[in-house]
PDB file of N, CA and C in Angstrom:
ATOM      1  N   MET A   1     112.716  89.432 118.977  1.00  0.00           N
ATOM      2  CA  MET A   1     111.341  89.468 119.365  1.00  0.00           C
ATOM      3  C   MET A   1     110.470  90.363 118.530  1.00  0.00           C
ATOM      4  N   TRP A   2     110.936  91.540 118.165  1.00  0.00           N
ATOM      5  CA  TRP A   2     110.065  92.390 117.275  1.00  0.00           C
ATOM      6  C   TRP A   2     109.963  91.800 115.879  1.00  0.00           C
ATOM      7  N   LEU A   3     110.995  91.199 115.474  1.00  0.00           N
ATOM      8  CA  LEU A   3     111.069  90.664 114.068  1.00  0.00           C
ATOM      9  C   LEU A   3     109.998  89.549 114.016  1.00  0.00           C
ATOM     10  N   GLN A   4     109.784  88.772 115.104  1.00  0.00           N
ATOM     11  CA  GLN A   4     108.709  87.763 115.112  1.00  0.00           C
ATOM     12  C   GLN A   4     107.380  88.265 115.023  1.00  0.00           C
ATOM     13  N   PHE A   5     107.173  89.477 115.795  1.00  0.00           N
ATOM     14  CA  PHE A   5     105.977  90.182 115.616  1.00  0.00           C
ATOM     15  C   PHE A   5     105.633  90.686 114.310  1.00  0.00           C
ATOM     16  N   TYR A   6     106.648  91.206 113.621  1.00  0.00           N
ATOM     17  CA  TYR A   6     106.411  91.827 112.213  1.00  0.00           C
ATOM     18  C   TYR A   6     106.160  90.640 111.333  1.00  0.00           C
ATOM     19  N   ARG A   7     106.849  89.461 111.469  1.00  0.00           N
ATOM     20  CA  ARG A   7     106.658  88.415 110.687  1.00  0.00           C
ATOM     21  C   ARG A   7     105.190  87.823 110.850  1.00  0.00           C
ATOM     22  N   TYR A   8     104.711  87.901 112.097  1.00  0.00           N
ATOM     23  CA  TYR A   8     103.325  87.457 112.381  1.00  0.00           C
ATOM     24  C   TYR A   8     102.358  88.500 111.668  1.00  0.00           C
ATOM     25  N   LEU A   9     102.476  89.774 111.740  1.00  0.00           N
ATOM     26  CA  LEU A   9     101.666  90.695 111.115  1.00  0.00           C
ATOM     27  C   LEU A   9     101.708  90.532 109.579  1.00  0.00           C
ATOM     28  N   PHE A  10     102.899  90.194 108.952  1.00  0.00           N
ATOM     29  CA  PHE A  10     102.979  89.935 107.574  1.00  0.00           C
ATOM     30  C   PHE A  10     102.184  88.800 107.198  1.00  0.00           C
ATOM     31  N   TYR A  11     102.340  87.576 107.874  1.00  0.00           N
ATOM     32  CA  TYR A  11     101.527  86.469 107.428  1.00  0.00           C
ATOM     33  C   TYR A  11     100.035  86.619 107.690  1.00  0.00           C
ATOM     34  N   LEU A  12      99.752  87.340 108.790  1.00  0.00           N
ATOM     35  CA  LEU A  12      98.417  87.669 108.977  1.00  0.00           C
ATOM     36  C   LEU A  12      97.771  88.522 107.864  1.00  0.00           C
ATOM     37  N   GLY A  13      98.482  89.497 107.325  1.00  0.00           N
ATOM     38  CA  GLY A  13      98.060  90.248 106.152  1.00  0.00           C
ATOM     39  C   GLY A  13      97.929  89.288 105.020  1.00  0.00           C
ATOM     40  N   LYS A  14      98.736  88.371 104.696  1.00  0.00           N
ATOM     41  CA  LYS A  14      98.615  87.441 103.572  1.00  0.00           C
ATOM     42  C   LYS A  14      97.391  86.579 103.766  1.00  0.00           C
ATOM     43  N   ILE A  15      97.101  86.070 105.043  1.00  0.00           N
ATOM     44  CA  ILE A  15      95.987  85.352 105.296  1.00  0.00           C
ATOM     45  C   ILE A  15      94.673  86.073 105.009  1.00  0.00           C
ATOM     46  N   ARG A  16      94.727  87.313 105.559  1.00  0.00           N
ATOM     47  CA  ARG A  16      93.511  88.068 105.411  1.00  0.00           C
ATOM     48  C   ARG A  16      93.250  88.426 103.929  1.00  0.00           C
ATOM     49  N   THR A  17      94.270  88.483 103.083  1.00  0.00           N
ATOM     50  CA  THR A  17      94.063  88.621 101.679  1.00  0.00           C
ATOM     51  C   THR A  17      93.412  87.585 100.984  1.00  0.00           C
ATOM     52  N   ILE A  18      93.894  86.308 101.467  1.00  0.00           N
ATOM     53  CA  ILE A  18      93.209  85.060 100.937  1.00  0.00           C
ATOM     54  C   ILE A  18      91.746  85.000 101.327  1.00  0.00           C
ATOM     55  N   GLN A  19      91.486  85.434 102.521  1.00  0.00           N
ATOM     56  CA  GLN A  19      90.107  85.472 102.996  1.00  0.00           C
ATOM     57  C   GLN A  19      89.331  86.599 102.499  1.00  0.00           C
ATOM     58  N   LEU A  20      89.825  87.464 101.715  1.00  0.00           N
ATOM     59  CA  LEU A  20      89.160  88.519 101.034  1.00  0.00           C
ATOM     60  C   LEU A  20      88.831  89.776 102.011  1.00  0.00           C
ATOM     61  N   GLU A  21      89.512  89.832 103.027  1.00  0.00           N
ATOM     62  CA  GLU A  21      89.410  90.848 104.004  1.00  0.00           C
ATOM     63  C   GLU A  21      90.505  91.965 103.762  1.00  0.00           C
ATOM     64  N   TYR A  22      90.380  92.540 102.581  1.00  0.00           N
ATOM     65  CA  TYR A  22      91.377  93.483 101.981  1.00  0.00           C
ATOM     66  C   TYR A  22      91.779  94.703 102.960  1.00  0.00           C
ATOM     67  N   THR A  23      90.721  95.283 103.477  1.00  0.00           N
ATOM     68  CA  THR A  23      91.073  96.433 104.277  1.00  0.00           C
ATOM     69  C   THR A  23      91.950  96.055 105.552  1.00  0.00           C
ATOM     70  N   ASP A  24      91.501  94.968 106.287  1.00  0.00           N
ATOM     71  CA  ASP A  24      92.291  94.512 107.426  1.00  0.00           C
ATOM     72  C   ASP A  24      93.769  94.088 107.032  1.00  0.00           C
ATOM     73  N   ALA A  25      93.815  93.459 105.869  1.00  0.00           N
ATOM     74  CA  ALA A  25      95.037  92.953 105.374  1.00  0.00           C
ATOM     75  C   ALA A  25      95.994  94.124 105.100  1.00  0.00           C
ATOM     76  N   LYS A  26      95.393  95.225 104.471  1.00  0.00           N
ATOM     77  CA  LYS A  26      96.255  96.418 104.068  1.00  0.00           C
ATOM     78  C   LYS A  26      96.810  97.064 105.389  1.00  0.00           C
ATOM     79  N   GLU A  27      95.987  97.146 106.345  1.00  0.00           N
ATOM     80  CA  GLU A  27      96.429  97.756 107.679  1.00  0.00           C
ATOM     81  C   GLU A  27      97.593  97.013 108.285  1.00  0.00           C
ATOM     82  N   SER A  28      97.403  95.663 108.254  1.00  0.00           N
ATOM     83  CA  SER A  28      98.575  94.903 108.834  1.00  0.00           C
ATOM     84  C   SER A  28      99.944  95.043 107.965  1.00  0.00           C
ATOM     85  N   LEU A  29      99.743  94.934 106.691  1.00  0.00           N
ATOM     86  CA  LEU A  29     100.849  95.074 105.836  1.00  0.00           C
ATOM     87  C   LEU A  29     101.539  96.407 105.798  1.00  0.00           C
ATOM     88  N   LEU A  30     100.692  97.440 105.929  1.00  0.00           N
ATOM     89  CA  LEU A  30     101.298  98.805 105.989  1.00  0.00           C
ATOM     90  C   LEU A  30     102.131  98.992 107.296  1.00  0.00           C
ATOM     91  N   GLN A  31     101.554  98.403 108.336  1.00  0.00           N
ATOM     92  CA  GLN A  31     102.196  98.636 109.631  1.00  0.00           C
ATOM     93  C   GLN A  31     103.593  97.882 109.528  1.00  0.00           C
ATOM     94  N   VAL A  32     103.574  96.639 108.905  1.00  0.00           N
ATOM     95  CA  VAL A  32     104.828  95.952 108.882  1.00  0.00           C
ATOM     96  C   VAL A  32     105.787  96.694 107.877  1.00  0.00           C
ATOM     97  N   ALA A  33     105.290  97.202 106.788  1.00  0.00           N
ATOM     98  CA  ALA A  33     106.169  97.817 105.835  1.00  0.00           C
ATOM     99  C   ALA A  33     106.823  99.065 106.475  1.00  0.00           C
ATOM    100  N   ARG A  34     106.138  99.762 107.302  1.00  0.00           N
ATOM    101  CA  ARG A  34     106.724 100.992 107.913  1.00  0.00           C
ATOM    102  C   ARG A  34     107.619 100.665 109.089  1.00  0.00           C
ATOM    103  N   LYS A  35     107.454  99.636 109.784  1.00  0.00           N
ATOM    104  CA  LYS A  35     108.129  99.410 111.037  1.00  0.00           C
ATOM    105  C   LYS A  35     109.213  98.268 110.875  1.00  0.00           C
ATOM    106  N   ALA A  36     109.293  97.624 109.847  1.00  0.00           N
ATOM    107  CA  ALA A  36     110.206  96.448 109.735  1.00  0.00           C
ATOM    108  C   ALA A  36     111.638  97.092 109.661  1.00  0.00           C
ATOM    109  N   PRO A  37     112.650  96.310 110.110  1.00  0.00           N
ATOM    110  CA  PRO A  37     113.977  96.742 110.295  1.00  0.00           C
ATOM    111  C   PRO A  37     114.609  97.162 108.840  1.00  0.00           C
ATOM    112  N   THR A  38     115.377  98.115 108.750  1.00  0.00           N
ATOM    113  CA  THR A  38     115.877  98.591 107.448  1.00  0.00           C
ATOM    114  C   THR A  38     116.913  97.602 106.852  1.00  0.00           C
ATOM    115  N   THR A  39     117.421  96.772 107.671  1.00  0.00           N
ATOM    116  CA  THR A  39     118.506  95.737 107.233  1.00  0.00           C
ATOM    117  C   THR A  39     117.813  94.517 106.694  1.00  0.00           C
ATOM    118  N   ALA A  40     116.516  94.381 106.887  1.00  0.00           N
ATOM    119  CA  ALA A  40     115.923  93.194 106.273  1.00  0.00           C
ATOM    120  C   ALA A  40     115.325  93.549 104.844  1.00  0.00           C
ATOM    121  N   HIS A  41     116.168  93.737 103.855  1.00  0.00           N
ATOM    122  CA  HIS A  41     115.792  94.171 102.601  1.00  0.00           C
ATOM    123  C   HIS A  41     114.785  93.313 101.937  1.00  0.00           C
ATOM    124  N   GLY A  42     114.932  91.998 101.971  1.00  0.00           N
ATOM    125  CA  GLY A  42     114.080  90.991 101.296  1.00  0.00           C
ATOM    126  C   GLY A  42     112.739  91.081 101.935  1.00  0.00           C
ATOM    127  N   PHE A  43     112.655  91.111 103.235  1.00  0.00           N
ATOM    128  CA  PHE A  43     111.466  91.172 103.962  1.00  0.00           C
ATOM    129  C   PHE A  43     110.582  92.467 103.566  1.00  0.00           C
ATOM    130  N   ARG A  44     111.393  93.571 103.553  1.00  0.00           N
ATOM    131  CA  ARG A  44     110.651  94.771 103.229  1.00  0.00           C
ATOM    132  C   ARG A  44     110.158  94.807 101.763  1.00  0.00           C
ATOM    133  N   ILE A  45     110.865  94.260 100.820  1.00  0.00           N
ATOM    134  CA  ILE A  45     110.446  94.171  99.476  1.00  0.00           C
ATOM    135  C   ILE A  45     109.174  93.416  99.370  1.00  0.00           C
ATOM    136  N   GLN A  46     109.081  92.137 100.091  1.00  0.00           N
ATOM    137  CA  GLN A  46     107.919  91.333 100.005  1.00  0.00           C
ATOM    138  C   GLN A  46     106.673  92.139 100.784  1.00  0.00           C
ATOM    139  N   CYS A  47     106.963  92.909 101.763  1.00  0.00           N
ATOM    140  CA  CYS A  47     105.961  93.657 102.400  1.00  0.00           C
ATOM    141  C   CYS A  47     105.391  94.741 101.484  1.00  0.00           C
ATOM    142  N   ASN A  48     106.153  95.377 100.809  1.00  0.00           N
ATOM    143  CA  ASN A  48     105.784  96.436  99.913  1.00  0.00           C
ATOM    144  C   ASN A  48     105.038  95.891  98.629  1.00  0.00           C
ATOM    145  N   LYS A  49     105.465  94.666  98.211  1.00  0.00           N
ATOM    146  CA  LYS A  49     104.777  93.923  97.112  1.00  0.00           C
ATOM    147  C   LYS A  49     103.374  93.576  97.501  1.00  0.00           C
ATOM    148  N   TRP A  50     103.272  93.096  98.767  1.00  0.00           N
ATOM    149  CA  TRP A  50     101.818  92.806  99.133  1.00  0.00           C
ATOM    150  C   TRP A  50     100.927  94.021  99.450  1.00  0.00           C
ATOM    151  N   VAL A  51     101.545  95.104  99.904  1.00  0.00           N
ATOM    152  CA  VAL A  51     100.794  96.330 100.064  1.00  0.00           C
ATOM    153  C   VAL A  51     100.309  96.757  98.718  1.00  0.00           C
ATOM    154  N   ILE A  52     101.128  96.769  97.618  1.00  0.00           N
ATOM    155  CA  ILE A  52     100.683  97.276  96.369  1.00  0.00           C
ATOM    156  C   ILE A  52      99.595  96.278  95.849  1.00  0.00           C
ATOM    157  N   ILE A  53      99.777  95.003  96.038  1.00  0.00           N
ATOM    158  CA  ILE A  53      98.684  94.022  95.590  1.00  0.00           C
ATOM    159  C   ILE A  53      97.297  94.470  96.329  1.00  0.00           C
ATOM    160  N   GLU A  54      97.365  94.753  97.667  1.00  0.00           N
ATOM    161  CA  GLU A  54      96.222  95.079  98.424  1.00  0.00           C
ATOM    162  C   GLU A  54      95.654  96.368  97.786  1.00  0.00           C
ATOM    163  N   ARG A  55      96.466  97.379  97.549  1.00  0.00           N
ATOM    164  CA  ARG A  55      95.894  98.722  97.030  1.00  0.00           C
ATOM    165  C   ARG A  55      95.226  98.397  95.686  1.00  0.00           C
ATOM    166  N   LEU A  56      95.884  97.632  94.852  1.00  0.00           N
ATOM    167  CA  LEU A  56      95.203  97.197  93.568  1.00  0.00           C
ATOM    168  C   LEU A  56      93.903  96.514  93.748  1.00  0.00           C
ATOM    169  N   LEU A  57      93.797  95.667  94.667  1.00  0.00           N
ATOM    170  CA  LEU A  57      92.495  94.859  94.891  1.00  0.00           C
ATOM    171  C   LEU A  57      91.508  95.756  95.530  1.00  0.00           C
ATOM    172  N   LEU A  58      91.917  96.831  96.145  1.00  0.00           N
ATOM    173  CA  LEU A  58      90.988  97.757  96.781  1.00  0.00           C
ATOM    174  C   LEU A  58      90.461  98.945  95.695  1.00  0.00           C
ATOM    175  N   GLY A  59      91.142  98.877  94.577  1.00  0.00           N
ATOM    176  CA  GLY A  59      90.696  99.871  93.537  1.00  0.00           C
ATOM    177  C   GLY A  59      91.623 101.113  93.686  1.00  0.00           C
ATOM    178  N   TRP A  60      92.791 101.151  94.229  1.00  0.00           N
ATOM    179  CA  TRP A  60      93.556 102.256  94.413  1.00  0.00           C
ATOM    180  C   TRP A  60      94.072 102.791  93.103  1.00  0.00           C
ATOM    181  N   ASN A  61      93.952 104.030  92.880  1.00  0.00           N
ATOM    182  CA  ASN A  61      94.369 104.673  91.614  1.00  0.00           C
ATOM    183  C   ASN A  61      95.395 105.630  91.960  1.00  0.00           C
ATOM    184  N   ARG A  62      96.602 105.502  91.246  1.00  0.00           N
ATOM    185  CA  ARG A  62      97.705 106.415  91.689  1.00  0.00           C
ATOM    186  C   ARG A  62      97.384 107.870  91.126  1.00  0.00           C
ATOM    187  N   THR A  63      96.492 108.056  90.092  1.00  0.00           N
ATOM    188  CA  THR A  63      96.244 109.439  89.681  1.00  0.00           C
ATOM    189  C   THR A  63      95.322 110.063  90.669  1.00  0.00           C
ATOM    190  N   ARG A  64      94.607 109.363  91.454  1.00  0.00           N
ATOM    191  CA  ARG A  64      93.689 109.980  92.441  1.00  0.00           C
ATOM    192  C   ARG A  64      94.568 110.206  93.714  1.00  0.00           C
ATOM    193  N   HIS A  65      95.471 109.427  94.087  1.00  0.00           N
ATOM    194  CA  HIS A  65      96.259 109.593  95.306  1.00  0.00           C
ATOM    195  C   HIS A  65      97.625 109.841  94.975  1.00  0.00           C
ATOM    196  N   CYS A  66      98.248 110.794  95.736  1.00  0.00           N
ATOM    197  CA  CYS A  66      99.493 111.304  95.460  1.00  0.00           C
ATOM    198  C   CYS A  66     100.591 110.514  96.260  1.00  0.00           C
ATOM    199  N   ASP A  67     100.105 109.969  97.408  1.00  0.00           N
ATOM    200  CA  ASP A  67     101.109 109.163  98.248  1.00  0.00           C
ATOM    201  C   ASP A  67     101.366 107.698  97.750  1.00  0.00           C
ATOM    202  N   PHE A  68     102.497 107.236  97.897  1.00  0.00           N
ATOM    203  CA  PHE A  68     102.863 105.941  97.546  1.00  0.00           C
ATOM    204  C   PHE A  68     103.692 105.423  98.635  1.00  0.00           C
ATOM    205  N   LEU A  69     103.134 104.576  99.398  1.00  0.00           N
ATOM    206  CA  LEU A  69     103.743 103.886 100.688  1.00  0.00           C
ATOM    207  C   LEU A  69     104.095 105.022 101.578  1.00  0.00           C
TER     208      LEU A  69
END
């Protein structure tokens, strides 16, 4: 059941990205990246990839921010 909820949040984040709602998409994707099961390696990789895309679209600069995921 939880996996379905995380999958829903993942797709919601992707849809919000396409709709140019970057901040809302980043929140959904970060929640999924943090709470997804550790055994779902491919799913976690996809989540982290989309989080990085969101951060780049929002103008995130690694030199200004020390945290990474």
